[in-house]
C-alpha atoms as a PDB file:
ATOM      1  CA  MET A   1      -5.119   7.210 -14.524  1.00  0.00           C
ATOM      2  CA  GLY A   2      -6.544   8.326 -18.237  1.00  0.00           C
ATOM      3  CA  LEU A   3      -7.167  11.799 -19.160  1.00  0.00           C
ATOM      4  CA  LEU A   4     -11.738  10.834 -18.781  1.00  0.00           C
ATOM      5  CA  PRO A   5     -13.059   9.709 -15.796  1.00  0.00           C
ATOM      6  CA  GLU A   6     -14.153   6.582 -14.545  1.00  0.00           C
ATOM      7  CA  GLU A   7     -17.747   7.570 -14.700  1.00  0.00           C
ATOM      8  CA  HIS A   8     -17.586   9.811 -18.309  1.00  0.00           C
ATOM      9  CA  LYS A   9     -15.387   6.943 -19.545  1.00  0.00           C
ATOM     10  CA  GLN A  10     -18.563   4.435 -18.587  1.00  0.00           C
ATOM     11  CA  HIS A  11     -20.639   6.847 -20.224  1.00  0.00           C
ATOM     12  CA  VAL A  12     -19.053   7.418 -23.396  1.00  0.00           C
ATOM     13  CA  ARG A  13     -18.476   3.632 -23.522  1.00  0.00           C
ATOM     14  CA  GLU A  14     -22.617   2.952 -23.232  1.00  0.00           C
ATOM     15  CA  GLU A  15     -23.074   5.616 -25.932  1.00  0.00           C
ATOM     16  CA  LEU A  16     -20.693   4.180 -28.616  1.00  0.00           C
ATOM     17  CA  SER A  17     -22.178   0.826 -27.948  1.00  0.00           C
ATOM     18  CA  GLN A  18     -25.143   2.020 -28.743  1.00  0.00           C
ATOM     19  CA  ARG A  19     -24.974   3.966 -31.421  1.00  0.00           C
ATOM     20  CA  LEU A  20     -21.822   2.666 -33.400  1.00  0.00           C
ATOM     21  CA  VAL A  21     -22.818   0.917 -36.749  1.00  0.00           C
ATOM     22  CA  ASN A  22     -19.689   0.530 -38.164  1.00  0.00           C
ATOM     23  CA  LYS A  23     -15.470   0.023 -37.997  1.00  0.00           C
ATOM     24  CA  VAL A  24     -14.164   3.900 -37.657  1.00  0.00           C
ATOM     25  CA  LYS A  25     -10.420   4.426 -37.653  1.00  0.00           C
ATOM     26  CA  LEU A  26      -9.309   7.387 -35.620  1.00  0.00           C
ATOM     27  CA  VAL A  27      -5.375   8.277 -37.009  1.00  0.00           C
ATOM     28  CA  VAL A  28      -3.432  10.638 -34.652  1.00  0.00           C
ATOM     29  CA  PHE A  29      -0.834  12.404 -35.947  1.00  0.00           C
ATOM     30  CA  THR A  30       2.039  12.941 -33.668  1.00  0.00           C
ATOM     31  CA  GLN A  31       5.284  14.440 -32.208  1.00  0.00           C
ATOM     32  CA  GLU A  32       5.667  14.222 -28.603  1.00  0.00           C
ATOM     33  CA  THR A  33       9.266  15.594 -28.261  1.00  0.00           C
ATOM     34  CA  GLU A  34       8.573  18.648 -30.180  1.00  0.00           C
ATOM     35  CA  CYS A  35       4.409  19.125 -29.131  1.00  0.00           C
ATOM     36  CA  PRO A  36       3.175  20.452 -25.954  1.00  0.00           C
ATOM     37  CA  PHE A  37      -0.166  18.814 -26.527  1.00  0.00           C
ATOM     38  CA  CYS A  38       0.756  15.453 -28.299  1.00  0.00           C
ATOM     39  CA  LYS A  39       0.836  13.402 -25.828  1.00  0.00           C
ATOM     40  CA  GLU A  40      -2.357  14.433 -24.228  1.00  0.00           C
ATOM     41  CA  THR A  41      -3.778  14.070 -27.655  1.00  0.00           C
ATOM     42  CA  ARG A  42      -2.047  10.486 -28.085  1.00  0.00           C
ATOM     43  CA  GLU A  43      -3.624   8.855 -24.742  1.00  0.00           C
ATOM     44  CA  LEU A  44      -6.713  10.510 -25.161  1.00  0.00           C
ATOM     45  CA  ILE A  45      -7.163   8.603 -28.388  1.00  0.00           C
ATOM     46  CA  GLN A  46      -6.273   5.437 -26.926  1.00  0.00           C
ATOM     47  CA  GLU A  47      -8.410   5.284 -24.536  1.00  0.00           C
ATOM     48  CA  VAL A  48     -11.800   6.406 -26.915  1.00  0.00           C
ATOM     49  CA  GLY A  49     -10.530   3.341 -28.525  1.00  0.00           C
ATOM     50  CA  GLU A  50     -10.600   1.184 -26.319  1.00  0.00           C
ATOM     51  CA  LEU A  51     -13.823   1.619 -25.047  1.00  0.00           C
ATOM     52  CA  SER A  52     -15.696   0.172 -28.454  1.00  0.00           C
ATOM     53  CA  ASP A  53     -14.470  -2.530 -30.533  1.00  0.00           C
ATOM     54  CA  LYS A  54     -15.973  -0.930 -32.945  1.00  0.00           C
ATOM     55  CA  ILE A  55     -13.129   1.593 -33.045  1.00  0.00           C
ATOM     56  CA  GLU A  56      -9.414   1.041 -34.283  1.00  0.00           C
ATOM     57  CA  VAL A  57      -6.825   3.786 -33.459  1.00  0.00           C
ATOM     58  CA  THR A  58      -3.716   4.232 -35.295  1.00  0.00           C
ATOM     59  CA  VAL A  59      -0.402   7.054 -34.572  1.00  0.00           C
ATOM     60  CA  TYR A  60       1.937   8.218 -36.610  1.00  0.00           C
ATOM     61  CA  ASP A  61       4.743  10.074 -35.906  1.00  0.00           C
ATOM     62  CA  PHE A  62       4.382  13.681 -37.802  1.00  0.00           C
ATOM     63  CA  VAL A  63       8.246  13.653 -38.659  1.00  0.00           C
ATOM     64  CA  LYS A  64       9.675   9.750 -39.243  1.00  0.00           C
ATOM     65  CA  ASP A  65       5.964   8.795 -41.117  1.00  0.00           C
ATOM     66  CA  LYS A  66       5.782  11.664 -43.284  1.00  0.00           C
ATOM     67  CA  ASP A  67       4.342   9.876 -46.086  1.00  0.00           C
ATOM     68  CA  GLN A  68       1.383   9.599 -44.379  1.00  0.00           C
ATOM     69  CA  ALA A  69       1.705  12.790 -43.282  1.00  0.00           C
ATOM     70  CA  THR A  70       1.379  14.020 -46.546  1.00  0.00           C
ATOM     71  CA  LEU A  71      -1.259  11.635 -47.518  1.00  0.00           C
ATOM     72  CA  TYR A  72      -3.648  12.957 -45.362  1.00  0.00           C
ATOM     73  CA  LYS A  73      -1.971  16.612 -46.154  1.00  0.00           C
ATOM     74  CA  ILE A  74      -1.646  16.830 -41.982  1.00  0.00           C
ATOM     75  CA  ASP A  75       0.522  19.709 -41.637  1.00  0.00           C
ATOM     76  CA  LYS A  76       0.349  20.706 -37.704  1.00  0.00           C
ATOM     77  CA  VAL A  77      -0.041  18.510 -34.774  1.00  0.00           C
ATOM     78  CA  PRO A  78      -1.604  17.105 -32.370  1.00  0.00           C
ATOM     79  CA  ALA A  79      -3.785  16.154 -35.830  1.00  0.00           C
ATOM     80  CA  LEU A  80      -6.622  13.514 -35.895  1.00  0.00           C
ATOM     81  CA  VAL A  81      -7.911  12.084 -39.249  1.00  0.00           C
ATOM     82  CA  ILE A  82     -11.660  10.234 -38.768  1.00  0.00           C
ATOM     83  CA  LEU A  83     -12.078   7.720 -41.054  1.00  0.00           C
ATOM     84  CA  GLY A  84     -15.433   5.463 -42.307  1.00  0.00           C
ATOM     85  CA  GLU A  85     -15.934   3.188 -45.151  1.00  0.00           C
ATOM     86  CA  LYS A  86     -13.443   6.385 -47.235  1.00  0.00           C
ATOM     87  CA  ASP A  87     -11.596   9.585 -46.292  1.00  0.00           C
ATOM     88  CA  TYR A  88     -14.417  12.422 -45.657  1.00  0.00           C
ATOM     89  CA  GLY A  89     -12.026  14.804 -45.246  1.00  0.00           C
ATOM     90  CA  ILE A  90     -12.916  15.523 -41.126  1.00  0.00           C
ATOM     91  CA  ARG A  91      -9.428  16.804 -39.306  1.00  0.00           C
ATOM     92  CA  TYR A  92      -9.295  17.533 -36.033  1.00  0.00           C
ATOM     93  CA  TYR A  93      -6.407  19.799 -34.860  1.00  0.00           C
ATOM     94  CA  GLY A  94      -5.471  20.042 -31.470  1.00  0.00           C
ATOM     95  CA  LEU A  95      -6.708  18.316 -27.843  1.00  0.00           C
ATOM     96  CA  PRO A  96     -10.781  17.467 -28.263  1.00  0.00           C
ATOM     97  CA  PHE A  97     -11.342  17.697 -24.662  1.00  0.00           C
ATOM     98  CA  GLY A  98     -13.032  19.683 -22.522  1.00  0.00           C
ATOM     99  CA  TYR A  99     -16.195  21.051 -24.566  1.00  0.00           C
ATOM    100  CA  GLU A 100     -14.745  19.543 -27.911  1.00  0.00           C
ATOM    101  CA  PHE A 101     -15.048  16.008 -26.800  1.00  0.00           C
ATOM    102  CA  GLN A 102     -18.394  16.741 -28.053  1.00  0.00           C
ATOM    103  CA  THR A 103     -16.893  17.823 -32.295  1.00  0.00           C
ATOM    104  CA  LEU A 104     -15.325  14.046 -31.695  1.00  0.00           C
ATOM    105  CA  PHE A 105     -17.572  11.913 -30.390  1.00  0.00           C
ATOM    106  CA  GLU A 106     -20.468  13.575 -32.831  1.00  0.00           C
ATOM    107  CA  ALA A 107     -18.342  12.660 -35.518  1.00  0.00           C
ATOM    108  CA  ILE A 108     -16.799   9.217 -34.829  1.00  0.00           C
ATOM    109  CA  VAL A 109     -20.880   8.024 -35.100  1.00  0.00           C
ATOM    110  CA  ALA A 110     -21.952  10.332 -37.934  1.00  0.00           C
ATOM    111  CA  VAL A 111     -18.699   8.084 -39.623  1.00  0.00           C
ATOM    112  CA  SER A 112     -19.727   5.289 -37.634  1.00  0.00           C
ATOM    113  CA  ASN A 113     -23.094   5.435 -39.370  1.00  0.00           C
ATOM    114  CA  ARG A 114     -22.199   6.931 -42.526  1.00  0.00           C
ATOM    115  CA  GLU A 115     -25.069   9.646 -42.019  1.00  0.00           C
ATOM    116  CA  SER A 116     -24.385  13.127 -41.438  1.00  0.00           C
ATOM    117  CA  GLY A 117     -28.314  13.853 -39.880  1.00  0.00           C
ATOM    118  CA  LEU A 118     -28.562  17.045 -41.846  1.00  0.00           C
ATOM    119  CA  SER A 119     -31.525  18.301 -43.417  1.00  0.00           C
ATOM    120  CA  GLU A 120     -32.791  16.819 -47.215  1.00  0.00           C
ATOM    121  CA  THR A 121     -32.540  20.525 -47.756  1.00  0.00           C
ATOM    122  CA  THR A 122     -28.502  20.972 -46.507  1.00  0.00           C
ATOM    123  CA  LYS A 123     -27.664  17.534 -48.582  1.00  0.00           C
ATOM    124  CA  ALA A 124     -29.155  18.591 -51.688  1.00  0.00           C
ATOM    125  CA  LEU A 125     -27.815  22.120 -52.180  1.00  0.00           C
ATOM    126  CA  LEU A 126     -24.448  20.598 -50.343  1.00  0.00           C
ATOM    127  CA  LYS A 127     -24.670  18.115 -53.319  1.00  0.00           C
ATOM    128  CA  THR A 128     -24.474  21.809 -55.804  1.00  0.00           C
ATOM    129  CA  VAL A 129     -20.251  21.948 -54.610  1.00  0.00           C
ATOM    130  CA  ASP A 130     -18.764  21.755 -57.513  1.00  0.00           C
ATOM    131  CA  LYS A 131     -15.085  23.503 -56.211  1.00  0.00           C
ATOM    132  CA  PRO A 132     -13.096  22.424 -53.666  1.00  0.00           C
ATOM    133  CA  VAL A 133     -14.699  23.671 -50.439  1.00  0.00           C
ATOM    134  CA  HIS A 134     -11.632  24.233 -47.388  1.00  0.00           C
ATOM    135  CA  ILE A 135     -13.437  25.070 -44.557  1.00  0.00           C
ATOM    136  CA  GLN A 136     -11.787  25.644 -40.998  1.00  0.00           C
ATOM    137  CA  VAL A 137     -13.446  25.836 -37.521  1.00  0.00           C
ATOM    138  CA  LEU A 138     -11.729  27.903 -34.916  1.00  0.00           C
ATOM    139  CA  VAL A 139     -12.762  26.997 -31.703  1.00  0.00           C
ATOM    140  CA  THR A 140     -11.082  26.877 -27.997  1.00  0.00           C
ATOM    141  CA  LEU A 141     -11.831  23.627 -25.711  1.00  0.00           C
ATOM    142  CA  THR A 142     -13.782  26.570 -23.248  1.00  0.00           C
ATOM    143  CA  CYS A 143     -16.116  27.533 -25.712  1.00  0.00           C
ATOM    144  CA  PRO A 144     -20.023  25.532 -25.155  1.00  0.00           C
ATOM    145  CA  TYR A 145     -21.433  26.752 -28.702  1.00  0.00           C
ATOM    146  CA  CYS A 146     -18.167  26.195 -30.840  1.00  0.00           C
ATOM    147  CA  PRO A 147     -19.061  22.243 -31.119  1.00  0.00           C
ATOM    148  CA  ILE A 148     -22.213  23.073 -32.825  1.00  0.00           C
ATOM    149  CA  ILE A 149     -20.360  25.053 -35.782  1.00  0.00           C
ATOM    150  CA  ALA A 150     -16.957  22.432 -36.122  1.00  0.00           C
ATOM    151  CA  SER A 151     -20.141  19.440 -35.870  1.00  0.00           C
ATOM    152  CA  MET A 152     -22.083  20.848 -38.643  1.00  0.00           C
ATOM    153  CA  ALA A 153     -18.676  21.680 -40.796  1.00  0.00           C
ATOM    154  CA  HIS A 154     -17.415  17.600 -39.940  1.00  0.00           C
ATOM    155  CA  LYS A 155     -20.661  16.929 -42.109  1.00  0.00           C
ATOM    156  CA  PHE A 156     -20.925  18.958 -44.697  1.00  0.00           C
ATOM    157  CA  ALA A 157     -17.603  16.966 -45.335  1.00  0.00           C
ATOM    158  CA  MET A 158     -19.365  13.709 -45.797  1.00  0.00           C
ATOM    159  CA  GLU A 159     -22.183  14.908 -48.012  1.00  0.00           C
ATOM    160  CA  ASN A 160     -19.627  15.882 -50.709  1.00  0.00           C
ATOM    161  CA  ASP A 161     -16.380  15.110 -51.370  1.00  0.00           C
ATOM    162  CA  LEU A 162     -15.306  18.294 -52.920  1.00  0.00           C
ATOM    163  CA  ILE A 163     -15.413  19.689 -48.905  1.00  0.00           C
ATOM    164  CA  THR A 164     -13.076  19.105 -46.580  1.00  0.00           C
ATOM    165  CA  ALA A 165     -13.281  20.533 -42.497  1.00  0.00           C
ATOM    166  CA  ASP A 166     -10.609  21.147 -40.408  1.00  0.00           C
ATOM    167  CA  VAL A 167     -11.316  22.490 -36.431  1.00  0.00           C
ATOM    168  CA  ILE A 168      -8.550  23.884 -34.745  1.00  0.00           C
ATOM    169  CA  ASP A 169      -7.804  25.060 -31.311  1.00  0.00           C
ATOM    170  CA  VAL A 170      -6.107  28.508 -31.443  1.00  0.00           C
ATOM    171  CA  ASN A 171      -5.666  28.161 -27.546  1.00  0.00           C
ATOM    172  CA  GLU A 172      -2.977  25.563 -29.415  1.00  0.00           C
ATOM    173  CA  PHE A 173      -2.096  26.729 -32.798  1.00  0.00           C
ATOM    174  CA  LEU A 174      -1.955  30.800 -31.615  1.00  0.00           C
ATOM    175  CA  GLN A 175      -0.625  31.775 -35.382  1.00  0.00           C
ATOM    176  CA  ILE A 176      -4.068  30.561 -37.248  1.00  0.00           C
ATOM    177  CA  GLY A 177      -5.515  32.973 -34.116  1.00  0.00           C
ATOM    178  CA  ILE A 178      -3.506  35.718 -35.201  1.00  0.00           C
ATOM    179  CA  LYS A 179      -3.630  35.240 -38.867  1.00  0.00           C
ATOM    180  CA  TYR A 180      -7.325  35.525 -39.085  1.00  0.00           C
ATOM    181  CA  ASN A 181      -7.138  38.143 -36.238  1.00  0.00           C
ATOM    182  CA  VAL A 182      -9.526  36.154 -33.965  1.00  0.00           C
ATOM    183  CA  MET A 183     -11.544  38.000 -30.845  1.00  0.00           C
ATOM    184  CA  GLY A 184     -14.416  35.555 -31.041  1.00  0.00           C
ATOM    185  CA  VAL A 185     -14.933  31.921 -31.116  1.00  0.00           C
ATOM    186  CA  PRO A 186     -16.185  29.878 -32.992  1.00  0.00           C
ATOM    187  CA  LYS A 187     -15.241  31.380 -36.013  1.00  0.00           C
ATOM    188  CA  THR A 188     -15.007  30.145 -39.096  1.00  0.00           C
ATOM    189  CA  VAL A 189     -13.118  31.039 -42.166  1.00  0.00           C
ATOM    190  CA  ILE A 190     -14.354  29.406 -46.199  1.00  0.00           C
ATOM    191  CA  ASN A 191     -11.752  29.159 -48.727  1.00  0.00           C
ATOM    192  CA  GLU A 192      -9.673  31.913 -47.074  1.00  0.00           C
ATOM    193  CA  LYS A 193     -13.050  34.114 -48.774  1.00  0.00           C
ATOM    194  CA  VAL A 194     -15.872  34.236 -46.905  1.00  0.00           C
ATOM    195  CA  GLU A 195     -15.964  34.152 -42.651  1.00  0.00           C
ATOM    196  CA  PHE A 196     -18.412  34.379 -40.027  1.00  0.00           C
ATOM    197  CA  LEU A 197     -18.399  34.623 -36.078  1.00  0.00           C
ATOM    198  CA  SER A 198     -20.879  32.072 -33.618  1.00  0.00           C
ATOM    199  CA  VAL A 199     -23.428  29.632 -34.442  1.00  0.00           C
ATOM    200  CA  VAL A 200     -25.792  29.702 -37.661  1.00  0.00           C
ATOM    201  CA  PRO A 201     -28.097  27.065 -38.810  1.00  0.00           C
ATOM    202  CA  GLU A 202     -27.306  24.743 -41.624  1.00  0.00           C
ATOM    203  CA  GLU A 203     -28.727  26.786 -43.985  1.00  0.00           C
ATOM    204  CA  VAL A 204     -27.015  30.038 -42.807  1.00  0.00           C
ATOM    205  CA  PHE A 205     -23.761  27.893 -43.124  1.00  0.00           C
ATOM    206  CA  VAL A 206     -24.681  26.088 -46.856  1.00  0.00           C
ATOM    207  CA  GLY A 207     -25.208  29.636 -47.973  1.00  0.00           C
ATOM    208  CA  HIS A 208     -21.465  31.117 -46.781  1.00  0.00           C
ATOM    209  CA  ILE A 209     -20.223  27.916 -48.882  1.00  0.00           C
ATOM    210  CA  LEU A 210     -21.700  28.724 -51.860  1.00  0.00           C
ATOM    211  CA  GLU A 211     -20.966  32.682 -51.346  1.00  0.00           C
ATOM    212  CA  ALA A 212     -17.403  31.624 -51.238  1.00  0.00           C
ATOM    213  CA  LEU A 213     -17.572  30.029 -54.617  1.00  0.00           C
ATOM    214  CA  LYS A 214     -18.718  32.665 -56.301  1.00  0.00           C
ATOM    215  CA  VAL A 215     -15.768  34.997 -54.605  1.00  0.00           C
END
């Protein structure tokens, strides 16, 4: 028996068959002898991979395959890279389960369709970004609002090669929660300079990105 209940698995299979267009590659980094949630993360992603012939899953060991970890700039596990026609800079750290399964699903669909679904105004503003932007969205699996901001960050990364977006489960990476003094989620950190809490509209999120570039 897998992590996904059979009825949920069937629903996801149907949704993927209707919404996926191009191939998507899910790259999992694991270290199952040391990492408490690595095994579950690998198993979940492999389960998802079995639900569509447009999804390819590759698993790497964080230590044994250090060259691949370096290539994708992975510094902690469990980690997931979501690739389409290129590496959009979309990363997920932790087990994308609970409410965060929606973040995983939305990223797969967006990458497969090569379309973020963001407004034209947002896309235009993101095209003006001319310096590296690193977005970290700190989430928990029990937060119903976290996938909104997490998915938005991933979609921002699709619009500009200088933008990378990490979604991180702070219950799995407690040291990160301590570092950023997380008292509530979702909490977003941009370039270590600008932080904001909770859900905001696209235009406000973009405004924070532009602000971070000026600090």
